[in-house]
PDB file of N, CA and C in Angstrom:
ATOM      1  N   MET A   1      65.647  82.487  81.417  1.00  0.00           N
ATOM      2  CA  MET A   1      67.081  82.496  81.122  1.00  0.00           C
ATOM      3  C   MET A   1      67.678  81.115  81.381  1.00  0.00           C
ATOM      4  N   SER A   2      68.412  80.620  80.415  1.00  0.00           N
ATOM      5  CA  SER A   2      69.024  79.303  80.567  1.00  0.00           C
ATOM      6  C   SER A   2      70.328  79.406  81.362  1.00  0.00           C
ATOM      7  N   VAL A   3      70.750  78.273  81.886  1.00  0.00           N
ATOM      8  CA  VAL A   3      71.985  78.236  82.678  1.00  0.00           C
ATOM      9  C   VAL A   3      73.182  78.634  81.821  1.00  0.00           C
ATOM     10  N   ALA A   4      73.181  78.170  80.565  1.00  0.00           N
ATOM     11  CA  ALA A   4      74.290  78.469  79.660  1.00  0.00           C
ATOM     12  C   ALA A   4      74.414  79.974  79.429  1.00  0.00           C
ATOM     13  N   LYS A   5      73.266  80.640  79.299  1.00  0.00           N
ATOM     14  CA  LYS A   5      73.276  82.078  79.052  1.00  0.00           C
ATOM     15  C   LYS A   5      73.832  82.835  80.261  1.00  0.00           C
ATOM     16  N   VAL A   6      73.378  82.425  81.442  1.00  0.00           N
ATOM     17  CA  VAL A   6      73.859  83.058  82.677  1.00  0.00           C
ATOM     18  C   VAL A   6      75.358  82.838  82.838  1.00  0.00           C
ATOM     19  N   THR A   7      75.802  81.609  82.564  1.00  0.00           N
ATOM     20  CA  THR A   7      77.222  81.277  82.672  1.00  0.00           C
ATOM     21  C   THR A   7      78.046  82.114  81.710  1.00  0.00           C
ATOM     22  N   LYS A   8      77.520  82.294  80.498  1.00  0.00           N
ATOM     23  CA  LYS A   8      78.227  83.073  79.485  1.00  0.00           C
ATOM     24  C   LYS A   8      78.345  84.531  79.913  1.00  0.00           C
ATOM     25  N   ILE A   9      77.246  85.090  80.426  1.00  0.00           N
ATOM     26  CA  ILE A   9      77.258  86.483  80.872  1.00  0.00           C
ATOM     27  C   ILE A   9      78.246  86.663  82.021  1.00  0.00           C
ATOM     28  N   CYS A  10      78.220  85.716  82.975  1.00  0.00           N
ATOM     29  CA  CYS A  10      79.152  85.768  84.103  1.00  0.00           C
ATOM     30  C   CYS A  10      80.592  85.674  83.608  1.00  0.00           C
ATOM     31  N   GLY A  11      80.819  84.826  82.620  1.00  0.00           N
ATOM     32  CA  GLY A  11      82.154  84.668  82.052  1.00  0.00           C
ATOM     33  C   GLY A  11      82.637  85.941  81.394  1.00  0.00           C
ATOM     34  N   VAL A  12      81.744  86.617  80.681  1.00  0.00           N
ATOM     35  CA  VAL A  12      82.098  87.871  80.011  1.00  0.00           C
ATOM     36  C   VAL A  12      82.434  88.947  81.039  1.00  0.00           C
ATOM     37  N   ILE A  13      81.592  89.059  82.071  1.00  0.00           N
ATOM     38  CA  ILE A  13      81.833  90.055  83.124  1.00  0.00           C
ATOM     39  C   ILE A  13      83.162  89.773  83.813  1.00  0.00           C
ATOM     40  N   PHE A  14      83.401  88.494  84.126  1.00  0.00           N
ATOM     41  CA  PHE A  14      84.636  88.095  84.802  1.00  0.00           C
ATOM     42  C   PHE A  14      85.853  88.415  83.938  1.00  0.00           C
ATOM     43  N   ALA A  15      85.753  88.132  82.640  1.00  0.00           N
ATOM     44  CA  ALA A  15      86.850  88.387  81.709  1.00  0.00           C
ATOM     45  C   ALA A  15      87.124  89.886  81.607  1.00  0.00           C
ATOM     46  N   GLU A  16      86.050  90.679  81.557  1.00  0.00           N
ATOM     47  CA  GLU A  16      86.216  92.127  81.463  1.00  0.00           C
ATOM     48  C   GLU A  16      86.888  92.670  82.719  1.00  0.00           C
ATOM     49  N   GLN A  17      86.477  92.160  83.877  1.00  0.00           N
ATOM     50  CA  GLN A  17      87.076  92.592  85.143  1.00  0.00           C
ATOM     51  C   GLN A  17      88.564  92.260  85.147  1.00  0.00           C
ATOM     52  N   ASN A  18      88.893  91.046  84.704  1.00  0.00           N
ATOM     53  CA  ASN A  18      90.285  90.611  84.670  1.00  0.00           C
ATOM     54  C   ASN A  18      91.103  91.419  83.680  1.00  0.00           C
ATOM     55  N   PHE A  19      90.454  91.914  82.631  1.00  0.00           N
ATOM     56  CA  PHE A  19      91.153  92.678  81.604  1.00  0.00           C
ATOM     57  C   PHE A  19      91.293  94.144  81.995  1.00  0.00           C
ATOM     58  N   VAL A  20      90.243  94.678  82.611  1.00  0.00           N
ATOM     59  CA  VAL A  20      90.224  96.108  82.937  1.00  0.00           C
ATOM     60  C   VAL A  20      91.114  96.443  84.126  1.00  0.00           C
ATOM     61  N   ARG A  21      91.155  95.565  85.122  1.00  0.00           N
ATOM     62  CA  ARG A  21      91.928  95.860  86.336  1.00  0.00           C
ATOM     63  C   ARG A  21      93.405  96.087  86.057  1.00  0.00           C
ATOM     64  N   PRO A  22      94.083  95.157  85.368  1.00  0.00           N
ATOM     65  CA  PRO A  22      95.505  95.390  85.060  1.00  0.00           C
ATOM     66  C   PRO A  22      95.703  96.622  84.201  1.00  0.00           C
ATOM     67  N   LEU A  23      94.715  96.907  83.339  1.00  0.00           N
ATOM     68  CA  LEU A  23      94.801  98.071  82.463  1.00  0.00           C
ATOM     69  C   LEU A  23      94.797  99.349  83.294  1.00  0.00           C
ATOM     70  N   PHE A  24      93.873  99.420  84.253  1.00  0.00           N
ATOM     71  CA  PHE A  24      93.809 100.585  85.137  1.00  0.00           C
ATOM     72  C   PHE A  24      95.080 100.686  85.963  1.00  0.00           C
ATOM     73  N   PHE A  25      95.592  99.532  86.407  1.00  0.00           N
ATOM     74  CA  PHE A  25      96.817  99.498  87.200  1.00  0.00           C
ATOM     75  C   PHE A  25      97.986 100.067  86.399  1.00  0.00           C
ATOM     76  N   LEU A  26      98.080  99.668  85.131  1.00  0.00           N
ATOM     77  CA  LEU A  26      99.145 100.162  84.263  1.00  0.00           C
ATOM     78  C   LEU A  26      99.009 101.656  84.022  1.00  0.00           C
ATOM     79  N   LEU A  27      97.774 102.112  83.811  1.00  0.00           N
ATOM     80  CA  LEU A  27      97.535 103.536  83.587  1.00  0.00           C
ATOM     81  C   LEU A  27      97.936 104.346  84.811  1.00  0.00           C
ATOM     82  N   GLU A  28      97.595 103.856  85.995  1.00  0.00           N
ATOM     83  CA  GLU A  28      97.966 104.534  87.237  1.00  0.00           C
ATOM     84  C   GLU A  28      99.482 104.591  87.365  1.00  0.00           C
ATOM     85  N   LEU A  29     100.133 103.476  87.048  1.00  0.00           N
ATOM     86  CA  LEU A  29     101.585 103.379  87.135  1.00  0.00           C
ATOM     87  C   LEU A  29     102.242 104.386  86.196  1.00  0.00           C
ATOM     88  N   LEU A  30     101.759 104.427  84.947  1.00  0.00           N
ATOM     89  CA  LEU A  30     102.302 105.363  83.967  1.00  0.00           C
ATOM     90  C   LEU A  30     102.082 106.805  84.402  1.00  0.00           C
ATOM     91  N   ARG A  31     100.898 107.073  84.947  1.00  0.00           N
ATOM     92  CA  ARG A  31     100.570 108.426  85.389  1.00  0.00           C
ATOM     93  C   ARG A  31     101.493 108.846  86.531  1.00  0.00           C
ATOM     94  N   ASN A  32     101.733 107.910  87.460  1.00  0.00           N
ATOM     95  CA  ASN A  32     102.613 108.207  88.586  1.00  0.00           C
ATOM     96  C   ASN A  32     104.044 108.441  88.114  1.00  0.00           C
ATOM     97  N   LEU A  33     104.498 107.622  87.171  1.00  0.00           N
ATOM     98  CA  LEU A  33     105.842 107.788  86.629  1.00  0.00           C
ATOM     99  C   LEU A  33     105.972 109.124  85.918  1.00  0.00           C
ATOM    100  N   PHE A  34     104.959 109.471  85.148  1.00  0.00           N
ATOM    101  CA  PHE A  34     104.954 110.725  84.408  1.00  0.00           C
ATOM    102  C   PHE A  34     104.973 111.914  85.358  1.00  0.00           C
ATOM    103  N   LEU A  35     104.143 111.847  86.391  1.00  0.00           N
ATOM    104  CA  LEU A  35     104.057 112.948  87.352  1.00  0.00           C
ATOM    105  C   LEU A  35     105.358 113.097  88.133  1.00  0.00           C
ATOM    106  N   SER A  36     105.939 111.986  88.571  1.00  0.00           N
ATOM    107  CA  SER A  36     107.189 112.047  89.325  1.00  0.00           C
ATOM    108  C   SER A  36     108.321 112.552  88.428  1.00  0.00           C
ATOM    109  N   GLY A  37     108.309 112.137  87.160  1.00  0.00           N
ATOM    110  CA  GLY A  37     109.312 112.610  86.210  1.00  0.00           C
ATOM    111  C   GLY A  37     109.131 114.084  85.915  1.00  0.00           C
ATOM    112  N   PHE A  38     107.886 114.512  85.858  1.00  0.00           N
ATOM    113  CA  PHE A  38     107.556 115.912  85.585  1.00  0.00           C
ATOM    114  C   PHE A  38     108.008 116.796  86.742  1.00  0.00           C
ATOM    115  N   VAL A  39     107.775 116.315  87.960  1.00  0.00           N
ATOM    116  CA  VAL A  39     108.160 117.073  89.153  1.00  0.00           C
ATOM    117  C   VAL A  39     109.683 117.114  89.277  1.00  0.00           C
ATOM    118  N   ALA A  40     110.334 115.982  89.005  1.00  0.00           N
ATOM    119  CA  ALA A  40     111.785 115.899  89.114  1.00  0.00           C
ATOM    120  C   ALA A  40     112.447 116.760  88.041  1.00  0.00           C
ATOM    121  N   GLY A  41     111.828 116.782  86.847  1.00  0.00           N
ATOM    122  CA  GLY A  41     112.385 117.534  85.737  1.00  0.00           C
ATOM    123  C   GLY A  41     112.121 119.004  85.920  1.00  0.00           C
TER     124      GLY A  41
END
């Protein structure tokens, strides 16, 4: 395995982590808002 290939794979994993985390955070936030609104309603 070349250094460039390893760097690319690490970059992809890092990018996915950076993309997925905020997405999960937003989903949790929406779910909490929905549940609190559902309970209040």
